[in-house]
Amino acid sequence: MLKTTDMLLLLFCLVGTSDSLYKQWIPDTNYENKTNWDKESVPCGNDIVQFPVQRKVSVFVETTNAVQEMRLPVDGEFILNSGAGFYVVSGQDPGCGAGVTTKFKDSESLQWLNPALWQGSATLDDLQHGHFLFSVHEESVPCQFDDVVFKASSSFRVDTSTSQSSVPVKSVSVLGKTYESTSELTQYLSSRSGRLQFHGSSAVTVGNKECGDPSGCACGNSVNHKRICSTVQCASLGCKKPLLPVGHCCEVCGAIVTIHFATGFNLQTYRQRIHHLFLVLPKYKSIQLGMSKIFKSQQLMGIIPFGTSPEIQVVIVDEEKGTQSEGLARDILKDARSHGSSLGITEAECQASSGNSSDQTGGSAGMFLDCMRLKQNNSISMTQSGVHFVNPVYDDNETDFNA
């Protein structure tokens, strides 16, 4: 009879190897979205509706709307849902207050490379039910193997300017239609709606296949790191020794687990394993965890670069100044010790922030409090102030990773 852990491993082995995600654009230019109006309310029958005269806009209209007067831009369009439209109220609209001029907000500055304007999920079902993933800033915007989704009953305007001439992704869905071939998307982008919805110096291209490497593939957004970070405003932190994950624009309170792997490691399988074993536990309800493949530069004697090495970066942050993150990091190391050989993990190590702004005790060594390095030969070295101490009397039956 299979044990619970064996059954979990069997289940994970049956999961596909694709590491692509679905990234959905958040803003819209929908008429009925009150946040698109300067008065924070949808215009009613006594109001004058005004669009920015010199701006291009594509507006999706869900239903029938009453207006007193409408001032249109030089270049724009209404995409009407079935039965949608406009009408003028004869006299005063009793359901509307005193008539005012309500202005449609300018959407010209909304940038593709702004991480705050995207939501990511592992599946379309998760996307529709609001089950979103946490990612470092570089990977919050669409990666080269991702499926890009613009909501079906919606329109938008996005500046696609990047550091390159093109923005490669796997597919793009607009108004319920998915574009997977370059020729079809190019035809749409050259249409009136396409020109109003997409603008900027870089062209969105599709057709990238799924990541063929079970251990994951590079996102491809590192070339745009500076432009991505220019849109990000970092928050003040409560921990004493914050960490800066690779691909992130801001330091974080929490922990970073670095995993070294061999043939047989599957990133998607491992991501789901960590979710089912740990993230579902009540004690980790405040945790945000992002997992991705990165390439660390290697330096001879810490000075001379001689290439890169692939690693799995697990970024763990929480709303409690990093305290729960450190606990989860230790649990992940324990799991790697027990099942690393079957998962393709050869080594795992951890960094953690600790303390808070009001804690005046402890030195720089606190940055690596309770974190360890795990190698597959079952030796453990504890990281403290950058000095590694190998425990020569490690008990192979010991399961408590607390120093």
Protein backbone atom coordinates (compact mmCIF):
# COMPACT_ATOMS: atom_id res chain seq x y z
CA MET A 1 0.00 0.00 0.00
CA LEU A 2 1.36 3.40 -0.93
CA LYS A 3 2.21 5.86 1.81
CA THR A 4 0.79 9.38 1.64
CA THR A 5 4.15 10.85 0.59
CA ASP A 6 4.56 8.19 -2.11
CA MET A 7 1.08 8.95 -3.43
CA LEU A 8 1.93 12.64 -3.57
CA LEU A 9 5.10 11.89 -5.53
CA LEU A 10 3.14 9.69 -7.95
CA LEU A 11 0.56 12.42 -8.42
CA PHE A 12 3.24 14.99 -9.15
CA CYS A 13 4.90 12.73 -11.70
CA LEU A 14 1.66 12.73 -13.69
CA VAL A 15 1.60 16.51 -13.93
CA GLY A 16 2.67 18.16 -17.19
CA THR A 17 6.06 19.83 -17.50
CA SER A 18 4.91 23.17 -18.91
CA ASP A 19 6.22 26.16 -16.98
CA SER A 20 4.18 28.75 -18.87
CA LEU A 21 1.69 30.89 -16.96
CA TYR A 22 -1.35 32.94 -17.87
CA LYS A 23 -0.80 36.69 -17.42
CA GLN A 24 -3.92 38.88 -17.46
CA TRP A 25 -3.91 42.63 -18.06
CA ILE A 26 -5.79 44.36 -15.23
CA PRO A 27 -6.82 47.86 -16.46
CA ASP A 28 -9.60 48.30 -18.98
CA THR A 29 -11.26 51.08 -20.94
CA ASN A 30 -14.81 49.89 -20.26
CA TYR A 31 -17.56 52.50 -20.18
CA GLU A 32 -19.31 50.95 -17.16
CA ASN A 33 -16.14 50.79 -15.04
CA LYS A 34 -16.50 53.68 -12.61
CA THR A 35 -12.75 53.87 -12.01
CA ASN A 36 -12.34 55.04 -15.62
CA TRP A 37 -14.17 58.30 -14.83
CA ASP A 38 -12.82 61.34 -13.00
CA LYS A 39 -15.89 61.49 -10.74
CA GLU A 40 -15.45 57.80 -9.84
CA SER A 41 -18.96 57.06 -11.09
CA VAL A 42 -20.48 56.12 -14.43
CA PRO A 43 -22.20 59.09 -16.17
CA CYS A 44 -25.99 59.20 -16.02
CA GLY A 45 -28.69 60.86 -18.09
CA ASN A 46 -28.10 64.46 -16.90
CA ASP A 47 -24.32 64.36 -17.42
CA ILE A 48 -22.09 65.59 -20.21
CA VAL A 49 -19.64 62.85 -21.21
CA GLN A 50 -16.21 64.02 -22.32
CA PHE A 51 -13.33 61.98 -23.76
CA PRO A 52 -9.76 63.39 -24.07
CA VAL A 53 -9.80 65.18 -27.41
CA GLN A 54 -6.25 64.37 -28.56
CA ARG A 55 -6.08 60.81 -27.19
CA LYS A 56 -6.88 57.55 -28.92
CA VAL A 57 -9.23 55.23 -27.09
CA SER A 58 -11.14 51.99 -27.61
CA VAL A 59 -14.12 51.79 -25.23
CA PHE A 60 -16.13 48.64 -24.53
CA VAL A 61 -19.82 49.31 -23.79
CA GLU A 62 -21.58 46.53 -21.87
CA THR A 63 -25.15 47.81 -21.76
CA THR A 64 -27.44 50.77 -22.62
CA ASN A 65 -26.46 54.14 -21.13
CA ALA A 66 -28.25 57.48 -20.91
CA VAL A 67 -26.35 60.73 -21.58
CA GLN A 68 -27.17 64.40 -21.95
CA GLU A 69 -24.31 65.14 -24.33
CA MET A 70 -21.17 63.35 -25.52
CA ARG A 71 -17.90 64.94 -26.63
CA LEU A 72 -15.82 62.46 -28.59
CA PRO A 73 -12.04 62.28 -29.24
CA VAL A 74 -10.47 62.82 -32.64
CA ASP A 75 -9.69 59.11 -32.97
CA GLY A 76 -11.55 56.41 -31.03
CA GLU A 77 -14.14 53.66 -31.13
CA PHE A 78 -16.96 52.11 -29.15
CA ILE A 79 -17.11 48.31 -29.07
CA LEU A 80 -20.76 47.56 -28.36
CA ASN A 81 -21.89 44.43 -26.58
CA SER A 82 -25.09 42.85 -27.90
CA GLY A 83 -27.95 45.25 -27.08
CA ALA A 84 -25.63 48.00 -25.82
CA GLY A 85 -25.80 51.64 -26.90
CA PHE A 86 -26.62 55.20 -25.84
CA TYR A 87 -29.76 57.33 -25.66
CA VAL A 88 -30.58 60.89 -24.68
CA VAL A 89 -33.08 61.46 -21.86
CA SER A 90 -35.94 63.81 -22.70
CA GLY A 91 -35.91 66.44 -19.96
CA GLN A 92 -34.31 65.51 -16.63
CA ASP A 93 -33.29 62.00 -15.65
CA PRO A 94 -35.03 61.48 -12.28
CA GLY A 95 -32.49 58.85 -11.28
CA CYS A 96 -29.58 61.20 -11.81
CA GLY A 97 -28.37 64.17 -9.80
CA ALA A 98 -27.54 67.61 -11.08
CA GLY A 99 -25.86 67.38 -14.45
CA VAL A 100 -22.05 67.55 -14.43
CA THR A 101 -19.28 67.09 -16.97
CA THR A 102 -17.78 63.65 -16.40
CA LYS A 103 -14.39 63.04 -18.02
CA PHE A 104 -13.02 59.69 -19.15
CA LYS A 105 -9.55 59.15 -17.68
CA ASP A 106 -6.48 59.15 -19.91
CA SER A 107 -5.08 55.61 -20.39
CA GLU A 108 -2.16 56.60 -22.59
CA SER A 109 0.52 56.04 -19.93
CA LEU A 110 -0.39 52.46 -18.98
CA GLN A 111 2.72 50.40 -19.70
CA TRP A 112 3.14 46.73 -20.59
CA LEU A 113 6.26 46.62 -18.38
CA ASN A 114 4.44 47.73 -15.24
CA PRO A 115 4.23 44.66 -12.93
CA ALA A 116 1.33 46.16 -10.97
CA LEU A 117 -0.89 45.98 -14.07
CA TRP A 118 -0.74 42.19 -14.47
CA GLN A 119 -2.13 39.15 -12.65
CA GLY A 120 -0.64 35.69 -13.12
CA SER A 121 -2.11 32.20 -12.67
CA ALA A 122 -1.10 28.64 -13.47
CA THR A 123 -4.37 27.89 -15.32
CA LEU A 124 -7.22 29.76 -16.96
CA ASP A 125 -9.55 28.42 -14.29
CA ASP A 126 -7.35 29.90 -11.56
CA LEU A 127 -7.30 33.18 -13.46
CA GLN A 128 -11.10 33.32 -13.64
CA HIS A 129 -11.50 32.45 -9.94
CA GLY A 130 -8.93 34.97 -8.73
CA HIS A 131 -6.26 32.49 -7.66
CA PHE A 132 -3.21 34.56 -8.53
CA LEU A 133 0.48 33.76 -8.15
CA PHE A 134 3.19 35.88 -6.60
CA SER A 135 6.25 36.54 -8.79
CA VAL A 136 9.33 38.72 -8.73
CA HIS A 137 8.81 41.93 -10.69
CA GLU A 138 10.56 40.73 -13.85
CA GLU A 139 8.24 37.74 -14.03
CA SER A 140 5.05 39.59 -13.08
CA VAL A 141 4.90 40.95 -16.62
CA PRO A 142 4.50 38.37 -19.41
CA CYS A 143 7.49 36.10 -19.99
CA GLN A 144 8.42 34.67 -23.37
CA PHE A 145 6.52 31.39 -22.80
CA ASP A 146 3.39 32.91 -21.21
CA ASP A 147 -0.16 33.16 -22.52
CA VAL A 148 -1.34 36.80 -22.38
CA VAL A 149 -5.01 37.41 -21.62
CA PHE A 150 -7.07 40.57 -22.07
CA LYS A 151 -10.54 40.06 -20.62
CA ALA A 152 -13.14 38.91 -23.13
CA SER A 153 -15.83 41.54 -22.50
CA SER A 154 -13.40 44.38 -22.29
CA SER A 155 -11.20 46.80 -24.17
CA PHE A 156 -7.96 48.49 -23.18
CA ARG A 157 -4.99 50.61 -24.24
CA VAL A 158 -1.43 49.51 -23.49
CA ASP A 159 1.98 50.98 -24.32
CA THR A 160 4.12 48.00 -25.40
CA SER A 161 7.43 49.91 -25.53
CA THR A 162 10.36 47.84 -24.23
CA SER A 163 14.15 47.74 -24.64
CA GLN A 164 13.71 45.50 -27.69
CA SER A 165 11.91 45.79 -31.00
CA SER A 166 9.48 42.98 -30.15
CA VAL A 167 7.67 41.49 -27.16
CA PRO A 168 7.63 37.70 -27.63
CA VAL A 169 4.98 35.59 -25.87
CA LYS A 170 3.26 32.28 -26.46
CA SER A 171 -0.22 33.62 -27.28
CA VAL A 172 -2.47 36.67 -26.90
CA SER A 173 -6.23 36.61 -26.22
CA VAL A 174 -8.27 39.72 -27.09
CA LEU A 175 -12.09 40.01 -26.96
CA GLY A 176 -12.39 36.25 -26.47
CA LYS A 177 -10.23 35.27 -29.45
CA THR A 178 -6.80 33.67 -28.94
CA TYR A 179 -3.99 34.48 -31.38
CA GLU A 180 -1.21 31.89 -31.61
CA SER A 181 0.19 32.62 -35.06
CA THR A 182 2.19 35.69 -36.00
CA SER A 183 0.23 36.31 -39.20
CA GLU A 184 -3.17 36.35 -37.43
CA LEU A 185 -1.98 38.64 -34.64
CA THR A 186 -0.24 40.97 -37.09
CA GLN A 187 -3.48 41.26 -39.03
CA TYR A 188 -5.37 42.13 -35.85
CA LEU A 189 -2.75 44.65 -34.69
CA SER A 190 -3.06 46.45 -38.03
CA SER A 191 -6.84 46.69 -37.69
CA ARG A 192 -8.51 49.78 -36.27
CA SER A 193 -9.17 48.14 -32.90
CA GLY A 194 -5.64 46.75 -32.74
CA ARG A 195 -4.08 50.15 -33.39
CA LEU A 196 -6.22 51.74 -30.70
CA GLN A 197 -5.56 49.03 -28.11
CA PHE A 198 -1.82 48.51 -28.66
CA HIS A 199 0.70 51.31 -29.16
CA GLY A 200 4.37 51.85 -28.52
CA SER A 201 7.79 51.17 -30.04
CA SER A 202 7.75 47.36 -29.63
CA ALA A 203 5.49 44.92 -31.44
CA VAL A 204 3.86 42.05 -29.57
CA THR A 205 4.66 38.73 -31.27
CA VAL A 206 3.28 35.24 -30.62
CA GLY A 207 4.21 31.69 -31.54
CA ASN A 208 6.72 30.76 -28.84
CA LYS A 209 6.34 27.12 -27.91
CA GLU A 210 6.02 25.93 -24.34
CA CYS A 211 9.19 25.72 -22.30
CA GLY A 212 10.70 22.37 -23.27
CA ASP A 213 12.94 22.09 -20.21
CA PRO A 214 11.24 20.39 -17.22
CA SER A 215 13.52 22.36 -14.87
CA GLY A 216 12.11 25.61 -16.25
CA CYS A 217 13.23 28.28 -18.67
CA ALA A 218 14.45 31.84 -18.24
CA CYS A 219 11.65 34.41 -18.33
CA GLY A 220 13.54 36.63 -20.78
CA ASN A 221 12.71 39.94 -19.11
CA SER A 222 16.08 40.64 -17.50
CA VAL A 223 16.97 42.88 -20.46
CA ASN A 224 14.08 45.12 -19.40
CA HIS A 225 14.92 45.13 -15.69
CA LYS A 226 15.62 48.87 -15.45
CA ARG A 227 12.47 49.80 -17.36
CA ILE A 228 10.37 47.45 -15.27
CA CYS A 229 11.78 48.83 -12.03
CA SER A 230 11.19 52.41 -13.17
CA THR A 231 7.46 51.73 -12.77
CA VAL A 232 7.78 50.24 -9.27
CA GLN A 233 7.60 52.14 -6.00
CA CYS A 234 9.15 50.20 -3.14
CA ALA A 235 7.40 50.17 0.24
CA SER A 236 9.09 50.74 3.56
CA LEU A 237 10.00 47.52 5.35
CA GLY A 238 9.66 46.42 8.95
CA CYS A 239 12.44 43.83 9.04
CA LYS A 240 16.00 44.61 10.03
CA LYS A 241 17.89 42.73 7.30
CA PRO A 242 15.84 42.76 4.07
CA LEU A 243 16.78 40.63 1.07
CA LEU A 244 16.87 41.42 -2.66
CA PRO A 245 15.73 38.48 -4.84
CA VAL A 246 17.07 38.13 -8.37
CA GLY A 247 14.62 39.75 -10.80
CA HIS A 248 12.91 41.84 -8.11
CA CYS A 249 13.06 45.62 -7.90
CA CYS A 250 12.64 45.96 -4.14
CA GLU A 251 14.11 44.40 -1.05
CA VAL A 252 11.72 42.10 0.84
CA CYS A 253 11.18 40.76 4.34
CA GLY A 254 11.20 36.99 4.35
CA ALA A 255 13.45 34.25 3.03
CA ILE A 256 15.07 33.03 -0.18
CA VAL A 257 15.68 29.33 -0.71
CA THR A 258 18.17 28.48 -3.46
CA ILE A 259 17.87 25.00 -4.95
CA HIS A 260 20.54 23.28 -7.03
CA PHE A 261 19.25 20.45 -9.16
CA ALA A 262 20.15 17.60 -11.47
CA THR A 263 18.43 15.61 -14.19
CA GLY A 264 14.93 14.68 -13.10
CA PHE A 265 14.02 17.94 -11.41
CA ASN A 266 10.67 19.31 -12.58
CA LEU A 267 9.90 22.92 -11.67
CA GLN A 268 6.14 22.69 -12.17
CA THR A 269 5.95 19.48 -10.16
CA TYR A 270 8.01 20.98 -7.37
CA ARG A 271 5.94 24.19 -7.32
CA GLN A 272 2.77 22.13 -6.87
CA ARG A 273 4.45 19.98 -4.24
CA ILE A 274 5.32 23.00 -2.09
CA HIS A 275 1.78 24.33 -2.50
CA HIS A 276 0.08 21.08 -1.44
CA LEU A 277 2.47 20.29 1.41
CA PHE A 278 2.87 23.72 2.97
CA LEU A 279 0.99 26.67 1.49
CA VAL A 280 -2.39 25.12 2.28
CA LEU A 281 -1.53 25.05 6.00
CA PRO A 282 -3.30 27.70 8.13
CA LYS A 283 -0.02 28.86 9.67
CA TYR A 284 1.20 29.92 6.23
CA LYS A 285 -1.95 31.71 5.10
CA SER A 286 -0.12 35.07 4.93
CA ILE A 287 2.69 33.68 2.78
CA GLN A 288 3.41 34.75 -0.79
CA LEU A 289 5.76 32.39 -2.60
CA GLY A 290 7.34 32.81 -6.00
CA MET A 291 9.45 30.12 -7.66
CA SER A 292 11.47 30.43 -10.84
CA LYS A 293 14.61 29.36 -12.64
CA ILE A 294 17.40 31.93 -12.62
CA PHE A 295 20.96 32.02 -13.90
CA LYS A 296 23.58 33.17 -11.40
CA SER A 297 26.87 34.56 -12.71
CA GLN A 298 29.92 32.59 -11.60
CA GLN A 299 33.13 34.32 -10.56
CA LEU A 300 36.60 32.86 -10.13
CA MET A 301 37.99 33.95 -6.75
CA GLY A 302 34.95 36.22 -6.50
CA ILE A 303 36.30 38.52 -9.21
CA ILE A 304 36.68 36.97 -12.67
CA PRO A 305 33.36 36.00 -14.38
CA PHE A 306 33.40 32.64 -16.14
CA GLY A 307 29.78 31.86 -17.01
CA THR A 308 26.45 31.23 -15.33
CA SER A 309 24.84 28.40 -13.43
CA PRO A 310 21.12 27.58 -13.33
CA GLU A 311 19.38 27.64 -9.95
CA ILE A 312 15.83 27.57 -8.65
CA GLN A 313 15.00 30.64 -6.59
CA VAL A 314 12.17 30.33 -4.09
CA VAL A 315 11.15 33.75 -2.76
CA ILE A 316 9.04 33.66 0.40
CA VAL A 317 7.48 36.80 1.87
CA ASP A 318 4.68 37.36 4.37
CA GLU A 319 2.77 40.08 6.11
CA GLU A 320 4.37 39.43 9.50
CA LYS A 321 7.86 40.91 9.05
CA GLY A 322 9.25 37.69 7.61
CA THR A 323 8.75 35.47 10.67
CA GLN A 324 6.47 32.95 8.94
CA SER A 325 8.70 33.00 5.84
CA GLU A 326 11.66 31.73 7.83
CA GLY A 327 9.56 28.89 9.22
CA LEU A 328 8.47 27.84 5.73
CA ALA A 329 12.06 28.05 4.47
CA ARG A 330 13.14 25.60 7.18
CA ASP A 331 10.24 23.28 6.26
CA ILE A 332 11.32 23.35 2.61
CA LEU A 333 14.87 22.43 3.62
CA LYS A 334 13.58 19.56 5.75
CA ASP A 335 11.52 18.28 2.83
CA ALA A 336 14.54 18.54 0.53
CA ARG A 337 16.57 16.46 2.98
CA SER A 338 13.94 13.73 3.06
CA HIS A 339 12.99 13.62 -0.62
CA GLY A 340 15.73 15.50 -2.49
CA SER A 341 17.10 12.43 -4.26
CA SER A 342 13.69 11.52 -5.72
CA LEU A 343 12.97 15.14 -6.69
CA GLY A 344 16.29 15.78 -8.43
CA ILE A 345 17.50 18.22 -5.77
CA THR A 346 21.24 18.06 -5.08
CA GLU A 347 21.65 21.01 -2.74
CA ALA A 348 19.50 23.63 -1.04
CA GLU A 349 20.40 26.71 0.97
CA CYS A 350 18.55 29.58 2.54
CA GLN A 351 18.87 33.24 3.41
CA ALA A 352 16.40 34.91 5.73
CA SER A 353 15.75 38.39 7.05
CA SER A 354 15.19 38.57 10.77
CA GLY A 355 14.47 41.15 13.41
CA ASN A 356 12.53 44.37 12.84
CA SER A 357 13.17 48.08 12.79
CA SER A 358 12.56 48.34 16.53
CA ASP A 359 14.89 45.46 17.44
CA GLN A 360 18.26 46.86 18.43
CA THR A 361 19.85 43.52 19.31
CA GLY A 362 21.98 41.29 17.16
CA GLY A 363 24.49 41.99 14.45
CA SER A 364 24.74 41.33 10.73
CA ALA A 365 24.79 37.61 11.39
CA GLY A 366 21.03 37.80 12.01
CA MET A 367 20.48 38.07 8.30
CA PHE A 368 21.05 34.31 7.98
CA LEU A 369 19.38 33.27 11.23
CA ASP A 370 18.26 29.61 11.28
CA CYS A 371 19.16 29.05 7.62
CA MET A 372 21.26 26.15 6.45
CA ARG A 373 22.78 24.61 3.40
CA LEU A 374 21.75 21.06 2.60
CA LYS A 375 23.86 18.83 0.34
CA GLN A 376 22.81 15.48 -0.96
CA ASN A 377 25.58 13.68 0.94
CA ASN A 378 23.63 14.73 4.06
CA SER A 379 26.26 17.18 5.31
CA ILE A 380 24.98 20.49 6.58
CA SER A 381 26.78 23.82 6.71
CA MET A 382 25.32 26.74 8.58
CA THR A 383 25.65 30.17 7.03
CA GLN A 384 26.58 32.92 9.41
CA SER A 385 28.21 36.19 8.37
CA GLY A 386 29.31 34.55 5.14
CA VAL A 387 31.40 31.88 6.96
CA HIS A 388 30.45 28.23 6.52
CA PHE A 389 30.82 25.71 9.37
CA VAL A 390 30.40 22.03 8.47
CA ASN A 391 29.01 19.90 11.29
CA PRO A 392 31.29 16.79 11.51
CA VAL A 393 29.05 14.98 13.97
CA TYR A 394 25.75 15.35 12.13
CA ASP A 395 23.26 12.66 13.12
CA ASP A 396 21.60 11.24 10.00
CA ASN A 397 18.48 10.48 12.03
CA GLU A 398 18.11 14.08 13.20
CA THR A 399 15.09 15.82 11.68
CA ASP A 400 15.08 19.16 13.54
CA PHE A 401 16.67 21.85 11.42
CA ASN A 402 16.56 24.53 14.14
CA ALA A 403 20.03 25.61 15.11
